[in-house]
Amino acid sequence: MKRYRAAGMDNAGLGVDTENPSGALGLYERMGYVPTQRSIVFDLPIEAPEG
């Protein structure tokens, strides 16, 4: 982050799966990141046709 700041960047962002049991969300929040956007992604597996 120090290098980013030295290069003139004001913000750093990342994406995280908040349901991930690894605790990544908590880690990033402890590092000072704050949620600014949330999204929901749906997935539906499509079965191959029989035949």
N, C-alpha and C. Protein backbone atom coordinates (compact mmCIF):
# COMPACT_ATOMS: atom_id res chain seq x y z
N MET A 1 0.81 -1.18 0.00
CA MET A 1 0.00 0.00 0.00
C MET A 1 0.87 1.26 0.00
N LYS A 2 2.01 1.17 0.66
CA LYS A 2 2.90 2.33 0.67
C LYS A 2 3.37 2.66 -0.74
N ARG A 3 3.64 1.64 -1.53
CA ARG A 3 4.07 1.88 -2.91
C ARG A 3 2.95 2.48 -3.74
N TYR A 4 1.73 2.01 -3.52
CA TYR A 4 0.60 2.59 -4.24
C TYR A 4 0.45 4.07 -3.89
N ARG A 5 0.55 4.40 -2.63
CA ARG A 5 0.43 5.79 -2.18
C ARG A 5 1.55 6.62 -2.78
N ALA A 6 2.77 6.08 -2.77
CA ALA A 6 3.91 6.80 -3.34
C ALA A 6 3.74 7.03 -4.84
N ALA A 7 2.99 6.12 -5.49
CA ALA A 7 2.74 6.26 -6.93
C ALA A 7 1.57 7.19 -7.22
N GLY A 8 0.96 7.74 -6.17
CA GLY A 8 -0.12 8.70 -6.37
C GLY A 8 -1.53 8.15 -6.26
N MET A 9 -1.67 6.88 -5.90
CA MET A 9 -3.01 6.31 -5.76
C MET A 9 -3.62 6.75 -4.44
N ASP A 10 -4.93 7.01 -4.47
CA ASP A 10 -5.64 7.43 -3.26
C ASP A 10 -6.43 6.30 -2.62
N ASN A 11 -6.82 5.29 -3.42
CA ASN A 11 -7.64 4.20 -2.91
C ASN A 11 -7.17 2.87 -3.48
N ALA A 12 -7.42 1.82 -2.71
CA ALA A 12 -7.18 0.46 -3.18
C ALA A 12 -8.48 -0.30 -2.97
N GLY A 13 -8.84 -1.14 -3.92
CA GLY A 13 -10.08 -1.89 -3.81
C GLY A 13 -9.86 -3.35 -4.10
N LEU A 14 -10.76 -4.17 -3.62
CA LEU A 14 -10.71 -5.59 -3.89
C LEU A 14 -12.12 -6.16 -3.78
N GLY A 15 -12.29 -7.36 -4.27
CA GLY A 15 -13.57 -8.05 -4.18
C GLY A 15 -13.43 -9.26 -3.29
N VAL A 16 -14.48 -9.59 -2.56
CA VAL A 16 -14.43 -10.73 -1.65
C VAL A 16 -15.80 -11.41 -1.61
N ASP A 17 -15.78 -12.73 -1.50
CA ASP A 17 -17.00 -13.50 -1.30
C ASP A 17 -17.31 -13.46 0.19
N THR A 18 -18.35 -12.73 0.58
CA THR A 18 -18.65 -12.55 1.99
C THR A 18 -19.11 -13.82 2.67
N GLU A 19 -19.50 -14.83 1.90
CA GLU A 19 -19.93 -16.11 2.46
C GLU A 19 -18.76 -17.09 2.60
N ASN A 20 -17.58 -16.70 2.18
CA ASN A 20 -16.42 -17.57 2.24
C ASN A 20 -16.06 -17.84 3.71
N PRO A 21 -15.99 -19.11 4.09
CA PRO A 21 -15.71 -19.43 5.50
C PRO A 21 -14.28 -19.13 5.94
N SER A 22 -13.44 -18.65 5.04
CA SER A 22 -12.05 -18.35 5.40
C SER A 22 -11.92 -17.14 6.31
N GLY A 23 -12.96 -16.31 6.38
CA GLY A 23 -12.88 -15.11 7.20
C GLY A 23 -12.24 -13.94 6.49
N ALA A 24 -12.16 -14.00 5.16
CA ALA A 24 -11.51 -12.94 4.40
C ALA A 24 -12.14 -11.57 4.64
N LEU A 25 -13.47 -11.53 4.71
CA LEU A 25 -14.14 -10.24 4.92
C LEU A 25 -13.66 -9.59 6.21
N GLY A 26 -13.63 -10.34 7.28
CA GLY A 26 -13.16 -9.80 8.56
C GLY A 26 -11.73 -9.33 8.51
N LEU A 27 -10.89 -10.08 7.81
CA LEU A 27 -9.49 -9.70 7.66
C LEU A 27 -9.37 -8.35 6.97
N TYR A 28 -10.06 -8.20 5.86
CA TYR A 28 -9.98 -6.95 5.11
C TYR A 28 -10.54 -5.78 5.91
N GLU A 29 -11.61 -6.02 6.65
CA GLU A 29 -12.16 -4.95 7.48
C GLU A 29 -11.18 -4.56 8.59
N ARG A 30 -10.50 -5.53 9.15
CA ARG A 30 -9.48 -5.21 10.18
C ARG A 30 -8.31 -4.43 9.60
N MET A 31 -8.07 -4.61 8.30
CA MET A 31 -7.00 -3.87 7.63
C MET A 31 -7.43 -2.45 7.27
N GLY A 32 -8.72 -2.14 7.46
CA GLY A 32 -9.19 -0.79 7.19
C GLY A 32 -10.08 -0.65 5.97
N TYR A 33 -10.27 -1.74 5.21
CA TYR A 33 -11.18 -1.69 4.06
C TYR A 33 -12.62 -1.58 4.56
N VAL A 34 -13.44 -0.86 3.82
CA VAL A 34 -14.86 -0.75 4.16
C VAL A 34 -15.69 -1.15 2.94
N PRO A 35 -16.80 -1.87 3.17
CA PRO A 35 -17.65 -2.24 2.04
C PRO A 35 -18.26 -1.00 1.40
N THR A 36 -18.22 -0.93 0.07
CA THR A 36 -18.81 0.20 -0.65
C THR A 36 -19.84 -0.26 -1.67
N GLN A 37 -19.83 -1.56 -1.97
CA GLN A 37 -20.75 -2.08 -2.98
C GLN A 37 -21.00 -3.56 -2.68
N ARG A 38 -22.23 -3.98 -2.86
CA ARG A 38 -22.56 -5.39 -2.69
C ARG A 38 -23.32 -5.85 -3.93
N SER A 39 -23.14 -7.11 -4.28
CA SER A 39 -23.88 -7.65 -5.40
C SER A 39 -24.29 -9.09 -5.09
N ILE A 40 -25.30 -9.54 -5.79
CA ILE A 40 -25.78 -10.91 -5.66
C ILE A 40 -25.62 -11.58 -7.02
N VAL A 41 -25.06 -12.75 -7.01
CA VAL A 41 -24.86 -13.50 -8.24
C VAL A 41 -25.62 -14.82 -8.13
N PHE A 42 -26.45 -15.10 -9.11
CA PHE A 42 -27.20 -16.35 -9.14
C PHE A 42 -26.57 -17.29 -10.15
N ASP A 43 -26.64 -18.58 -9.85
CA ASP A 43 -26.09 -19.59 -10.74
C ASP A 43 -27.08 -20.74 -10.85
N LEU A 44 -27.29 -21.25 -12.05
CA LEU A 44 -28.17 -22.39 -12.26
C LEU A 44 -27.48 -23.36 -13.20
N PRO A 45 -27.04 -24.51 -12.66
CA PRO A 45 -26.43 -25.51 -13.54
C PRO A 45 -27.46 -26.02 -14.54
N ILE A 46 -27.06 -26.16 -15.78
CA ILE A 46 -27.95 -26.65 -16.83
C ILE A 46 -27.52 -28.05 -17.19
N GLU A 47 -28.44 -28.97 -17.00
CA GLU A 47 -28.13 -30.37 -17.27
C GLU A 47 -28.11 -30.63 -18.77
N ALA A 48 -27.23 -31.54 -19.18
CA ALA A 48 -27.17 -31.93 -20.59
C ALA A 48 -28.43 -32.73 -20.94
N PRO A 49 -28.94 -32.55 -22.14
CA PRO A 49 -30.14 -33.30 -22.54
C PRO A 49 -29.85 -34.79 -22.60
N GLU A 50 -30.84 -35.58 -22.24
CA GLU A 50 -30.69 -37.04 -22.30
C GLU A 50 -30.79 -37.49 -23.74
N GLY A 51 -30.09 -38.54 -24.07
CA GLY A 51 -30.30 -39.03 -25.40
C GLY A 51 -29.16 -39.65 -25.98
